[in-house]
Amino acid sequence: MRGAKSFDQEVDNAGTFLILTSEGNSRLRQLQAGLLFQRLWLKAIHDGFAVVPASQPLQEYAAMAEHYRGIHRAFAAPGQTIQMIAFLGRPKDGYRRGFRLSVKDLVRQP
């Protein structure tokens, strides 16, 4: 629950949303999108922004199929595949360098 609350707070503080698309969805296009996303992420962090992947649409499963189709209808041109959705921003209380939780947030001492 703590992770979901943190995620919601970061979405509320996001200044920009990024939707990374490619022509088609071949393995090569997936890799190219991943490499581009990594470069964008590193540049954003260098410039003082937090970057949080909001969704990785490649991870398709039955419960999300209708959402997946809706996102593509709304944001991808014909023939394109959304490879990654992320948001960028500067939260009021600082920011994490990545989307993962700190070990300190996950491990409890007796």
PDB file of N, CA and C in Angstrom:
ATOM      1  N   MET A   1       0.813  -1.182   0.000  1.00  0.00           N
ATOM      2  CA  MET A   1       0.000   0.000   0.000  1.00  0.00           C
ATOM      3  C   MET A   1       0.864   1.256   0.000  1.00  0.00           C
ATOM      4  N   ARG A   2       2.002   1.200   0.676  1.00  0.00           N
ATOM      5  CA  ARG A   2       2.885   2.362   0.724  1.00  0.00           C
ATOM      6  C   ARG A   2       3.383   2.724  -0.667  1.00  0.00           C
ATOM      7  N   GLY A   3       3.721   1.704  -1.464  1.00  0.00           N
ATOM      8  CA  GLY A   3       4.181   1.956  -2.825  1.00  0.00           C
ATOM      9  C   GLY A   3       3.100   2.595  -3.679  1.00  0.00           C
ATOM     10  N   ALA A   4       1.850   2.137  -3.553  1.00  0.00           N
ATOM     11  CA  ALA A   4       0.745   2.708  -4.320  1.00  0.00           C
ATOM     12  C   ALA A   4       0.510   4.163  -3.928  1.00  0.00           C
ATOM     13  N   LYS A   5       0.585   4.469  -2.638  1.00  0.00           N
ATOM     14  CA  LYS A   5       0.397   5.848  -2.173  1.00  0.00           C
ATOM     15  C   LYS A   5       1.512   6.743  -2.720  1.00  0.00           C
ATOM     16  N   SER A   6       2.744   6.263  -2.664  1.00  0.00           N
ATOM     17  CA  SER A   6       3.880   7.013  -3.186  1.00  0.00           C
ATOM     18  C   SER A   6       3.723   7.246  -4.686  1.00  0.00           C
ATOM     19  N   PHE A   7       3.291   6.210  -5.399  1.00  0.00           N
ATOM     20  CA  PHE A   7       3.086   6.322  -6.844  1.00  0.00           C
ATOM     21  C   PHE A   7       2.035   7.382  -7.147  1.00  0.00           C
ATOM     22  N   ASP A   8       0.907   7.356  -6.420  1.00  0.00           N
ATOM     23  CA  ASP A   8      -0.150   8.348  -6.628  1.00  0.00           C
ATOM     24  C   ASP A   8       0.349   9.765  -6.376  1.00  0.00           C
ATOM     25  N   GLN A   9       1.169   9.952  -5.340  1.00  0.00           N
ATOM     26  CA  GLN A   9       1.713  11.274  -5.043  1.00  0.00           C
ATOM     27  C   GLN A   9       2.631  11.742  -6.170  1.00  0.00           C
ATOM     28  N   GLU A  10       3.416  10.839  -6.714  1.00  0.00           N
ATOM     29  CA  GLU A  10       4.316  11.216  -7.801  1.00  0.00           C
ATOM     30  C   GLU A  10       3.539  11.560  -9.063  1.00  0.00           C
ATOM     31  N   VAL A  11       2.461  10.841  -9.353  1.00  0.00           N
ATOM     32  CA  VAL A  11       1.619  11.180 -10.508  1.00  0.00           C
ATOM     33  C   VAL A  11       1.032  12.577 -10.324  1.00  0.00           C
ATOM     34  N   ASP A  12       0.561  12.882  -9.109  1.00  0.00           N
ATOM     35  CA  ASP A  12      -0.012  14.204  -8.839  1.00  0.00           C
ATOM     36  C   ASP A  12       0.996  15.324  -9.044  1.00  0.00           C
ATOM     37  N   ASN A  13       2.280  15.053  -8.835  1.00  0.00           N
ATOM     38  CA  ASN A  13       3.325  16.069  -8.973  1.00  0.00           C
ATOM     39  C   ASN A  13       3.991  16.075 -10.347  1.00  0.00           C
ATOM     40  N   ALA A  14       3.564  15.190 -11.211  1.00  0.00           N
ATOM     41  CA  ALA A  14       4.184  15.095 -12.540  1.00  0.00           C
ATOM     42  C   ALA A  14       3.887  16.346 -13.350  1.00  0.00           C
ATOM     43  N   GLY A  15       4.909  16.851 -13.987  1.00  0.00           N
ATOM     44  CA  GLY A  15       4.737  18.008 -14.855  1.00  0.00           C
ATOM     45  C   GLY A  15       4.557  17.611 -16.307  1.00  0.00           C
ATOM     46  N   THR A  16       5.056  16.447 -16.660  1.00  0.00           N
ATOM     47  CA  THR A  16       5.058  16.008 -18.052  1.00  0.00           C
ATOM     48  C   THR A  16       4.862  14.502 -18.120  1.00  0.00           C
ATOM     49  N   PHE A  17       4.093  14.064 -19.079  1.00  0.00           N
ATOM     50  CA  PHE A  17       3.949  12.645 -19.350  1.00  0.00           C
ATOM     51  C   PHE A  17       4.633  12.328 -20.669  1.00  0.00           C
ATOM     52  N   LEU A  18       5.278  11.200 -20.719  1.00  0.00           N
ATOM     53  CA  LEU A  18       6.025  10.754 -21.894  1.00  0.00           C
ATOM     54  C   LEU A  18       5.388   9.480 -22.409  1.00  0.00           C
ATOM     55  N   ILE A  19       5.071   9.459 -23.691  1.00  0.00           N
ATOM     56  CA  ILE A  19       4.585   8.242 -24.332  1.00  0.00           C
ATOM     57  C   ILE A  19       5.548   7.937 -25.469  1.00  0.00           C
ATOM     58  N   LEU A  20       6.262   6.840 -25.338  1.00  0.00           N
ATOM     59  CA  LEU A  20       7.277   6.437 -26.317  1.00  0.00           C
ATOM     60  C   LEU A  20       6.662   5.394 -27.238  1.00  0.00           C
ATOM     61  N   THR A  21       6.627   5.698 -28.541  1.00  0.00           N
ATOM     62  CA  THR A  21       6.032   4.786 -29.515  1.00  0.00           C
ATOM     63  C   THR A  21       7.071   4.355 -30.536  1.00  0.00           C
ATOM     64  N   SER A  22       6.757   3.290 -31.241  1.00  0.00           N
ATOM     65  CA  SER A  22       7.608   2.824 -32.333  1.00  0.00           C
ATOM     66  C   SER A  22       6.717   2.377 -33.485  1.00  0.00           C
ATOM     67  N   GLU A  23       7.307   2.321 -34.662  1.00  0.00           N
ATOM     68  CA  GLU A  23       6.605   1.746 -35.812  1.00  0.00           C
ATOM     69  C   GLU A  23       6.638   0.240 -35.641  1.00  0.00           C
ATOM     70  N   GLY A  24       5.501  -0.365 -35.462  1.00  0.00           N
ATOM     71  CA  GLY A  24       5.440  -1.811 -35.274  1.00  0.00           C
ATOM     72  C   GLY A  24       5.926  -2.214 -33.891  1.00  0.00           C
ATOM     73  N   ASN A  25       6.091  -3.529 -33.723  1.00  0.00           N
ATOM     74  CA  ASN A  25       6.460  -4.045 -32.410  1.00  0.00           C
ATOM     75  C   ASN A  25       7.437  -5.214 -32.508  1.00  0.00           C
ATOM     76  N   SER A  26       8.362  -5.123 -33.443  1.00  0.00           N
ATOM     77  CA  SER A  26       9.366  -6.189 -33.569  1.00  0.00           C
ATOM     78  C   SER A  26      10.299  -6.148 -32.363  1.00  0.00           C
ATOM     79  N   ARG A  27      11.044  -7.200 -32.164  1.00  0.00           N
ATOM     80  CA  ARG A  27      11.997  -7.231 -31.046  1.00  0.00           C
ATOM     81  C   ARG A  27      13.021  -6.109 -31.200  1.00  0.00           C
ATOM     82  N   LEU A  28      13.455  -5.826 -32.432  1.00  0.00           N
ATOM     83  CA  LEU A  28      14.394  -4.735 -32.663  1.00  0.00           C
ATOM     84  C   LEU A  28      13.786  -3.402 -32.233  1.00  0.00           C
ATOM     85  N   ARG A  29      12.520  -3.156 -32.581  1.00  0.00           N
ATOM     86  CA  ARG A  29      11.853  -1.905 -32.173  1.00  0.00           C
ATOM     87  C   ARG A  29      11.737  -1.819 -30.653  1.00  0.00           C
ATOM     88  N   GLN A  30      11.455  -2.938 -30.012  1.00  0.00           N
ATOM     89  CA  GLN A  30      11.369  -2.950 -28.554  1.00  0.00           C
ATOM     90  C   GLN A  30      12.711  -2.566 -27.926  1.00  0.00           C
ATOM     91  N   LEU A  31      13.792  -3.152 -28.445  1.00  0.00           N
ATOM     92  CA  LEU A  31      15.131  -2.843 -27.923  1.00  0.00           C
ATOM     93  C   LEU A  31      15.502  -1.386 -28.174  1.00  0.00           C
ATOM     94  N   GLN A  32      15.208  -0.894 -29.372  1.00  0.00           N
ATOM     95  CA  GLN A  32      15.507   0.504 -29.676  1.00  0.00           C
ATOM     96  C   GLN A  32      14.734   1.445 -28.752  1.00  0.00           C
ATOM     97  N   ALA A  33      13.480   1.128 -28.494  1.00  0.00           N
ATOM     98  CA  ALA A  33      12.677   1.948 -27.583  1.00  0.00           C
ATOM     99  C   ALA A  33      13.263   1.917 -26.174  1.00  0.00           C
ATOM    100  N   GLY A  34      13.700   0.736 -25.724  1.00  0.00           N
ATOM    101  CA  GLY A  34      14.302   0.629 -24.403  1.00  0.00           C
ATOM    102  C   GLY A  34      15.581   1.440 -24.278  1.00  0.00           C
ATOM    103  N   LEU A  35      16.413   1.409 -25.313  1.00  0.00           N
ATOM    104  CA  LEU A  35      17.652   2.187 -25.301  1.00  0.00           C
ATOM    105  C   LEU A  35      17.359   3.688 -25.298  1.00  0.00           C
ATOM    106  N   LEU A  36      16.386   4.108 -26.092  1.00  0.00           N
ATOM    107  CA  LEU A  36      16.010   5.525 -26.113  1.00  0.00           C
ATOM    108  C   LEU A  36      15.453   5.951 -24.761  1.00  0.00           C
ATOM    109  N   PHE A  37      14.601   5.115 -24.180  1.00  0.00           N
ATOM    110  CA  PHE A  37      14.034   5.453 -22.879  1.00  0.00           C
ATOM    111  C   PHE A  37      15.129   5.607 -21.829  1.00  0.00           C
ATOM    112  N   GLN A  38      16.111   4.728 -21.848  1.00  0.00           N
ATOM    113  CA  GLN A  38      17.209   4.821 -20.884  1.00  0.00           C
ATOM    114  C   GLN A  38      17.979   6.131 -21.049  1.00  0.00           C
ATOM    115  N   ARG A  39      18.229   6.535 -22.300  1.00  0.00           N
ATOM    116  CA  ARG A  39      18.930   7.811 -22.542  1.00  0.00           C
ATOM    117  C   ARG A  39      18.096   8.994 -22.051  1.00  0.00           C
ATOM    118  N   LEU A  40      16.795   8.962 -22.332  1.00  0.00           N
ATOM    119  CA  LEU A  40      15.911  10.035 -21.854  1.00  0.00           C
ATOM    120  C   LEU A  40      15.898  10.094 -20.331  1.00  0.00           C
ATOM    121  N   TRP A  41      15.850   8.935 -19.697  1.00  0.00           N
ATOM    122  CA  TRP A  41      15.820   8.854 -18.240  1.00  0.00           C
ATOM    123  C   TRP A  41      17.103   9.443 -17.645  1.00  0.00           C
ATOM    124  N   LEU A  42      18.237   9.045 -18.162  1.00  0.00           N
ATOM    125  CA  LEU A  42      19.508   9.555 -17.640  1.00  0.00           C
ATOM    126  C   LEU A  42      19.629  11.060 -17.820  1.00  0.00           C
ATOM    127  N   LYS A  43      19.195  11.584 -18.957  1.00  0.00           N
ATOM    128  CA  LYS A  43      19.240  13.029 -19.198  1.00  0.00           C
ATOM    129  C   LYS A  43      18.309  13.762 -18.234  1.00  0.00           C
ATOM    130  N   ALA A  44      17.116  13.236 -18.039  1.00  0.00           N
ATOM    131  CA  ALA A  44      16.167  13.874 -17.128  1.00  0.00           C
ATOM    132  C   ALA A  44      16.714  13.908 -15.703  1.00  0.00           C
ATOM    133  N   ILE A  45      17.280  12.808 -15.240  1.00  0.00           N
ATOM    134  CA  ILE A  45      17.864  12.764 -13.896  1.00  0.00           C
ATOM    135  C   ILE A  45      19.012  13.766 -13.787  1.00  0.00           C
ATOM    136  N   HIS A  46      19.848  13.826 -14.820  1.00  0.00           N
ATOM    137  CA  HIS A  46      20.958  14.785 -14.837  1.00  0.00           C
ATOM    138  C   HIS A  46      20.446  16.213 -14.701  1.00  0.00           C
ATOM    139  N   ASP A  47      19.268  16.482 -15.291  1.00  0.00           N
ATOM    140  CA  ASP A  47      18.688  17.822 -15.256  1.00  0.00           C
ATOM    141  C   ASP A  47      17.798  18.065 -14.034  1.00  0.00           C
ATOM    142  N   GLY A  48      17.774  17.099 -13.088  1.00  0.00           N
ATOM    143  CA  GLY A  48      17.063  17.303 -11.836  1.00  0.00           C
ATOM    144  C   GLY A  48      15.619  16.861 -11.794  1.00  0.00           C
ATOM    145  N   PHE A  49      15.197  16.038 -12.724  1.00  0.00           N
ATOM    146  CA  PHE A  49      13.821  15.549 -12.750  1.00  0.00           C
ATOM    147  C   PHE A  49      13.744  14.122 -12.228  1.00  0.00           C
ATOM    148  N   ALA A  50      12.609  13.778 -11.673  1.00  0.00           N
ATOM    149  CA  ALA A  50      12.300  12.394 -11.334  1.00  0.00           C
ATOM    150  C   ALA A  50      11.605  11.783 -12.546  1.00  0.00           C
ATOM    151  N   VAL A  51      11.887  10.522 -12.825  1.00  0.00           N
ATOM    152  CA  VAL A  51      11.249   9.803 -13.923  1.00  0.00           C
ATOM    153  C   VAL A  51      10.637   8.539 -13.340  1.00  0.00           C
ATOM    154  N   VAL A  52       9.361   8.350 -13.588  1.00  0.00           N
ATOM    155  CA  VAL A  52       8.680   7.175 -13.056  1.00  0.00           C
ATOM    156  C   VAL A  52       7.894   6.504 -14.179  1.00  0.00           C
ATOM    157  N   PRO A  53       8.284   5.282 -14.564  1.00  0.00           N
ATOM    158  CA  PRO A  53       7.474   4.558 -15.551  1.00  0.00           C
ATOM    159  C   PRO A  53       6.091   4.311 -14.978  1.00  0.00           C
ATOM    160  N   ALA A  54       5.070   4.737 -15.699  1.00  0.00           N
ATOM    161  CA  ALA A  54       3.699   4.558 -15.233  1.00  0.00           C
ATOM    162  C   ALA A  54       3.112   3.259 -15.756  1.00  0.00           C
ATOM    163  N   SER A  55       3.632   2.791 -16.869  1.00  0.00           N
ATOM    164  CA  SER A  55       3.123   1.579 -17.473  1.00  0.00           C
ATOM    165  C   SER A  55       4.114   1.104 -18.515  1.00  0.00           C
ATOM    166  N   GLN A  56       4.221  -0.186 -18.651  1.00  0.00           N
ATOM    167  CA  GLN A  56       4.982  -0.752 -19.756  1.00  0.00           C
ATOM    168  C   GLN A  56       4.015  -1.626 -20.537  1.00  0.00           C
ATOM    169  N   PRO A  57       3.380  -1.053 -21.555  1.00  0.00           N
ATOM    170  CA  PRO A  57       2.317  -1.755 -22.251  1.00  0.00           C
ATOM    171  C   PRO A  57       2.729  -3.069 -22.892  1.00  0.00           C
ATOM    172  N   LEU A  58       4.027  -3.325 -23.037  1.00  0.00           N
ATOM    173  CA  LEU A  58       4.439  -4.613 -23.594  1.00  0.00           C
ATOM    174  C   LEU A  58       4.057  -5.765 -22.677  1.00  0.00           C
ATOM    175  N   GLN A  59       3.866  -5.485 -21.409  1.00  0.00           N
ATOM    176  CA  GLN A  59       3.505  -6.530 -20.460  1.00  0.00           C
ATOM    177  C   GLN A  59       2.001  -6.750 -20.530  1.00  0.00           C
ATOM    178  N   GLU A  60       1.582  -7.381 -21.589  1.00  0.00           N
ATOM    179  CA  GLU A  60       0.158  -7.617 -21.812  1.00  0.00           C
ATOM    180  C   GLU A  60      -0.318  -8.848 -21.045  1.00  0.00           C
ATOM    181  N   TYR A  61      -1.497  -8.750 -20.493  1.00  0.00           N
ATOM    182  CA  TYR A  61      -2.158  -9.900 -19.920  1.00  0.00           C
ATOM    183  C   TYR A  61      -3.658  -9.652 -19.980  1.00  0.00           C
ATOM    184  N   ALA A  62      -4.431 -10.713 -19.845  1.00  0.00           N
ATOM    185  CA  ALA A  62      -5.868 -10.659 -20.122  1.00  0.00           C
ATOM    186  C   ALA A  62      -6.601  -9.556 -19.362  1.00  0.00           C
ATOM    187  N   ALA A  63      -6.307  -9.372 -18.084  1.00  0.00           N
ATOM    188  CA  ALA A  63      -7.028  -8.388 -17.276  1.00  0.00           C
ATOM    189  C   ALA A  63      -6.807  -6.960 -17.762  1.00  0.00           C
ATOM    190  N   MET A  64      -5.723  -6.717 -18.485  1.00  0.00           N
ATOM    191  CA  MET A  64      -5.408  -5.362 -18.945  1.00  0.00           C
ATOM    192  C   MET A  64      -5.654  -5.173 -20.443  1.00  0.00           C
ATOM    193  N   ALA A  65      -6.158  -6.194 -21.117  1.00  0.00           N
ATOM    194  CA  ALA A  65      -6.277  -6.144 -22.577  1.00  0.00           C
ATOM    195  C   ALA A  65      -7.113  -4.958 -23.061  1.00  0.00           C
ATOM    196  N   GLU A  66      -8.255  -4.717 -22.439  1.00  0.00           N
ATOM    197  CA  GLU A  66      -9.099  -3.605 -22.884  1.00  0.00           C
ATOM    198  C   GLU A  66      -8.434  -2.256 -22.617  1.00  0.00           C
ATOM    199  N   HIS A  67      -7.761  -2.121 -21.488  1.00  0.00           N
ATOM    200  CA  HIS A  67      -7.023  -0.882 -21.192  1.00  0.00           C
ATOM    201  C   HIS A  67      -5.909  -0.676 -22.219  1.00  0.00           C
ATOM    202  N   TYR A  68      -5.210  -1.747 -22.543  1.00  0.00           N
ATOM    203  CA  TYR A  68      -4.125  -1.715 -23.532  1.00  0.00           C
ATOM    204  C   TYR A  68      -4.651  -1.203 -24.872  1.00  0.00           C
ATOM    205  N   ARG A  69      -5.779  -1.767 -25.328  1.00  0.00           N
ATOM    206  CA  ARG A  69      -6.361  -1.329 -26.607  1.00  0.00           C
ATOM    207  C   ARG A  69      -6.798   0.134 -26.526  1.00  0.00           C
ATOM    208  N   GLY A  70      -7.389   0.534 -25.410  1.00  0.00           N
ATOM    209  CA  GLY A  70      -7.845   1.914 -25.253  1.00  0.00           C
ATOM    210  C   GLY A  70      -6.702   2.913 -25.293  1.00  0.00           C
ATOM    211  N   ILE A  71      -5.607   2.582 -24.618  1.00  0.00           N
ATOM    212  CA  ILE A  71      -4.427   3.460 -24.621  1.00  0.00           C
ATOM    213  C   ILE A  71      -3.887   3.611 -26.035  1.00  0.00           C
ATOM    214  N   HIS A  72      -3.829   2.510 -26.779  1.00  0.00           N
ATOM    215  CA  HIS A  72      -3.334   2.588 -28.148  1.00  0.00           C
ATOM    216  C   HIS A  72      -4.288   3.381 -29.048  1.00  0.00           C
ATOM    217  N   ARG A  73      -5.581   3.196 -28.865  1.00  0.00           N
ATOM    218  CA  ARG A  73      -6.545   3.974 -29.668  1.00  0.00           C
ATOM    219  C   ARG A  73      -6.380   5.468 -29.395  1.00  0.00           C
ATOM    220  N   ALA A  74      -6.150   5.819 -28.140  1.00  0.00           N
ATOM    221  CA  ALA A  74      -6.069   7.230 -27.759  1.00  0.00           C
ATOM    222  C   ALA A  74      -4.745   7.888 -28.114  1.00  0.00           C
ATOM    223  N   PHE A  75      -3.631   7.144 -28.039  1.00  0.00           N
ATOM    224  CA  PHE A  75      -2.323   7.794 -28.109  1.00  0.00           C
ATOM    225  C   PHE A  75      -1.366   7.296 -29.185  1.00  0.00           C
ATOM    226  N   ALA A  76      -1.696   6.228 -29.890  1.00  0.00           N
ATOM    227  CA  ALA A  76      -0.783   5.718 -30.920  1.00  0.00           C
ATOM    228  C   ALA A  76      -1.405   5.889 -32.300  1.00  0.00           C
ATOM    229  N   ALA A  77      -0.588   6.310 -33.234  1.00  0.00           N
ATOM    230  CA  ALA A  77      -1.048   6.421 -34.615  1.00  0.00           C
ATOM    231  C   ALA A  77      -1.191   5.010 -35.204  1.00  0.00           C
ATOM    232  N   PRO A  78      -1.961   4.865 -36.271  1.00  0.00           N
ATOM    233  CA  PRO A  78      -2.087   3.543 -36.900  1.00  0.00           C
ATOM    234  C   PRO A  78      -0.713   2.955 -37.238  1.00  0.00           C
ATOM    235  N   GLY A  79      -0.519   1.699 -36.884  1.00  0.00           N
ATOM    236  CA  GLY A  79       0.750   1.026 -37.153  1.00  0.00           C
ATOM    237  C   GLY A  79       1.797   1.217 -36.070  1.00  0.00           C
ATOM    238  N   GLN A  80       1.531   2.076 -35.092  1.00  0.00           N
ATOM    239  CA  GLN A  80       2.481   2.305 -34.015  1.00  0.00           C
ATOM    240  C   GLN A  80       2.133   1.477 -32.790  1.00  0.00           C
ATOM    241  N   THR A  81       3.152   1.207 -31.998  1.00  0.00           N
ATOM    242  CA  THR A  81       2.991   0.506 -30.729  1.00  0.00           C
ATOM    243  C   THR A  81       3.537   1.398 -29.628  1.00  0.00           C
ATOM    244  N   ILE A  82       2.779   1.558 -28.557  1.00  0.00           N
ATOM    245  CA  ILE A  82       3.282   2.279 -27.390  1.00  0.00           C
ATOM    246  C   ILE A  82       4.218   1.335 -26.649  1.00  0.00           C
ATOM    247  N   GLN A  83       5.454   1.753 -26.499  1.00  0.00           N
ATOM    248  CA  GLN A  83       6.450   0.932 -25.835  1.00  0.00           C
ATOM    249  C   GLN A  83       6.580   1.271 -24.349  1.00  0.00           C
ATOM    250  N   MET A  84       6.351   2.541 -23.984  1.00  0.00           N
ATOM    251  CA  MET A  84       6.527   2.933 -22.587  1.00  0.00           C
ATOM    252  C   MET A  84       5.728   4.199 -22.321  1.00  0.00           C
ATOM    253  N   ILE A  85       5.157   4.273 -21.124  1.00  0.00           N
ATOM    254  CA  ILE A  85       4.513   5.488 -20.628  1.00  0.00           C
ATOM    255  C   ILE A  85       5.212   5.827 -19.315  1.00  0.00           C
ATOM    256  N   ALA A  86       5.604   7.076 -19.156  1.00  0.00           N
ATOM    257  CA  ALA A  86       6.288   7.498 -17.930  1.00  0.00           C
ATOM    258  C   ALA A  86       5.873   8.933 -17.627  1.00  0.00           C
ATOM    259  N   PHE A  87       6.169   9.366 -16.427  1.00  0.00           N
ATOM    260  CA  PHE A  87       5.942  10.765 -16.106  1.00  0.00           C
ATOM    261  C   PHE A  87       7.193  11.359 -15.495  1.00  0.00           C
ATOM    262  N   LEU A  88       7.340  12.668 -15.699  1.00  0.00           N
ATOM    263  CA  LEU A  88       8.492  13.410 -15.216  1.00  0.00           C
ATOM    264  C   LEU A  88       7.992  14.559 -14.357  1.00  0.00           C
ATOM    265  N   GLY A  89       8.725  14.868 -13.320  1.00  0.00           N
ATOM    266  CA  GLY A  89       8.343  15.995 -12.490  1.00  0.00           C
ATOM    267  C   GLY A  89       9.340  16.237 -11.386  1.00  0.00           C
ATOM    268  N   ARG A  90       9.050  17.240 -10.600  1.00  0.00           N
ATOM    269  CA  ARG A  90       9.869  17.588  -9.437  1.00  0.00           C
ATOM    270  C   ARG A  90       8.970  17.618  -8.218  1.00  0.00           C
ATOM    271  N   PRO A  91       8.812  16.482  -7.534  1.00  0.00           N
ATOM    272  CA  PRO A  91       7.963  16.460  -6.339  1.00  0.00           C
ATOM    273  C   PRO A  91       8.443  17.458  -5.296  1.00  0.00           C
ATOM    274  N   LYS A  92       7.514  17.963  -4.518  1.00  0.00           N
ATOM    275  CA  LYS A  92       7.800  18.981  -3.510  1.00  0.00           C
ATOM    276  C   LYS A  92       8.828  18.528  -2.478  1.00  0.00           C
ATOM    277  N   ASP A  93       8.785  17.262  -2.111  1.00  0.00           N
ATOM    278  CA  ASP A  93       9.662  16.743  -1.058  1.00  0.00           C
ATOM    279  C   ASP A  93      10.858  15.990  -1.611  1.00  0.00           C
ATOM    280  N   GLY A  94      11.411  16.432  -2.715  1.00  0.00           N
ATOM    281  CA  GLY A  94      12.530  15.722  -3.315  1.00  0.00           C
ATOM    282  C   GLY A  94      12.019  14.617  -4.216  1.00  0.00           C
ATOM    283  N   TYR A  95      12.917  13.798  -4.692  1.00  0.00           N
ATOM    284  CA  TYR A  95      12.522  12.748  -5.613  1.00  0.00           C
ATOM    285  C   TYR A  95      13.474  11.575  -5.524  1.00  0.00           C
ATOM    286  N   ARG A  96      12.945  10.458  -5.965  1.00  0.00           N
ATOM    287  CA  ARG A  96      13.758   9.246  -6.048  1.00  0.00           C
ATOM    288  C   ARG A  96      14.477   9.237  -7.386  1.00  0.00           C
ATOM    289  N   ARG A  97      15.613   8.601  -7.435  1.00  0.00           N
ATOM    290  CA  ARG A  97      16.360   8.512  -8.684  1.00  0.00           C
ATOM    291  C   ARG A  97      15.788   7.463  -9.630  1.00  0.00           C
ATOM    292  N   GLY A  98      14.880   6.669  -9.163  1.00  0.00           N
ATOM    293  CA  GLY A  98      14.280   5.648 -10.005  1.00  0.00           C
ATOM    294  C   GLY A  98      12.905   5.300  -9.498  1.00  0.00           C
ATOM    295  N   PHE A  99      12.295   4.330 -10.117  1.00  0.00           N
ATOM    296  CA  PHE A  99      10.940   3.985  -9.745  1.00  0.00           C
ATOM    297  C   PHE A  99      10.871   2.933  -8.652  1.00  0.00           C
ATOM    298  N   ARG A 100      11.987   2.391  -8.245  1.00  0.00           N
ATOM    299  CA  ARG A 100      11.997   1.349  -7.225  1.00  0.00           C
ATOM    300  C   ARG A 100      11.992   1.951  -5.821  1.00  0.00           C
ATOM    301  N   LEU A 101      11.412   1.218  -4.896  1.00  0.00           N
ATOM    302  CA  LEU A 101      11.394   1.656  -3.500  1.00  0.00           C
ATOM    303  C   LEU A 101      12.747   1.425  -2.858  1.00  0.00           C
ATOM    304  N   SER A 102      13.071   2.222  -1.890  1.00  0.00           N
ATOM    305  CA  SER A 102      14.290   2.046  -1.131  1.00  0.00           C
ATOM    306  C   SER A 102      14.195   0.782  -0.292  1.00  0.00           C
ATOM    307  N   VAL A 103      15.302   0.082  -0.122  1.00  0.00           N
ATOM    308  CA  VAL A 103      15.321  -1.097   0.738  1.00  0.00           C
ATOM    309  C   VAL A 103      14.862  -0.721   2.144  1.00  0.00           C
ATOM    310  N   LYS A 104      15.217   0.464   2.600  1.00  0.00           N
ATOM    311  CA  LYS A 104      14.832   0.925   3.950  1.00  0.00           C
ATOM    312  C   LYS A 104      13.297   0.986   4.090  1.00  0.00           C
ATOM    313  N   ASP A 105      12.602   1.222   2.995  1.00  0.00           N
ATOM    314  CA  ASP A 105      11.147   1.260   3.037  1.00  0.00           C
ATOM    315  C   ASP A 105      10.530  -0.135   3.082  1.00  0.00           C
ATOM    316  N   LEU A 106      11.300  -1.135   2.698  1.00  0.00           N
ATOM    317  CA  LEU A 106      10.768  -2.488   2.591  1.00  0.00           C
ATOM    318  C   LEU A 106      11.161  -3.408   3.736  1.00  0.00           C
ATOM    319  N   VAL A 107      12.304  -3.157   4.386  1.00  0.00           N
ATOM    320  CA  VAL A 107      12.808  -4.041   5.428  1.00  0.00           C
ATOM    321  C   VAL A 107      12.487  -3.430   6.787  1.00  0.00           C
ATOM    322  N   ARG A 108      11.918  -4.247   7.646  1.00  0.00           N
ATOM    323  CA  ARG A 108      11.586  -3.792   9.003  1.00  0.00           C
ATOM    324  C   ARG A 108      12.517  -4.473  10.002  1.00  0.00           C
ATOM    325  N   GLN A 109      13.033  -3.688  10.902  1.00  0.00           N
ATOM    326  CA  GLN A 109      13.877  -4.223  11.978  1.00  0.00           C
ATOM    327  C   GLN A 109      12.998  -4.566  13.170  1.00  0.00           C
ATOM    328  N   PRO A 110      13.299  -5.677  13.875  1.00  0.00           N
ATOM    329  CA  PRO A 110      12.493  -6.042  15.049  1.00  0.00           C
ATOM    330  C   PRO A 110      12.652  -5.030  16.180  1.00  0.00           C
TER     331      PRO A 110
END
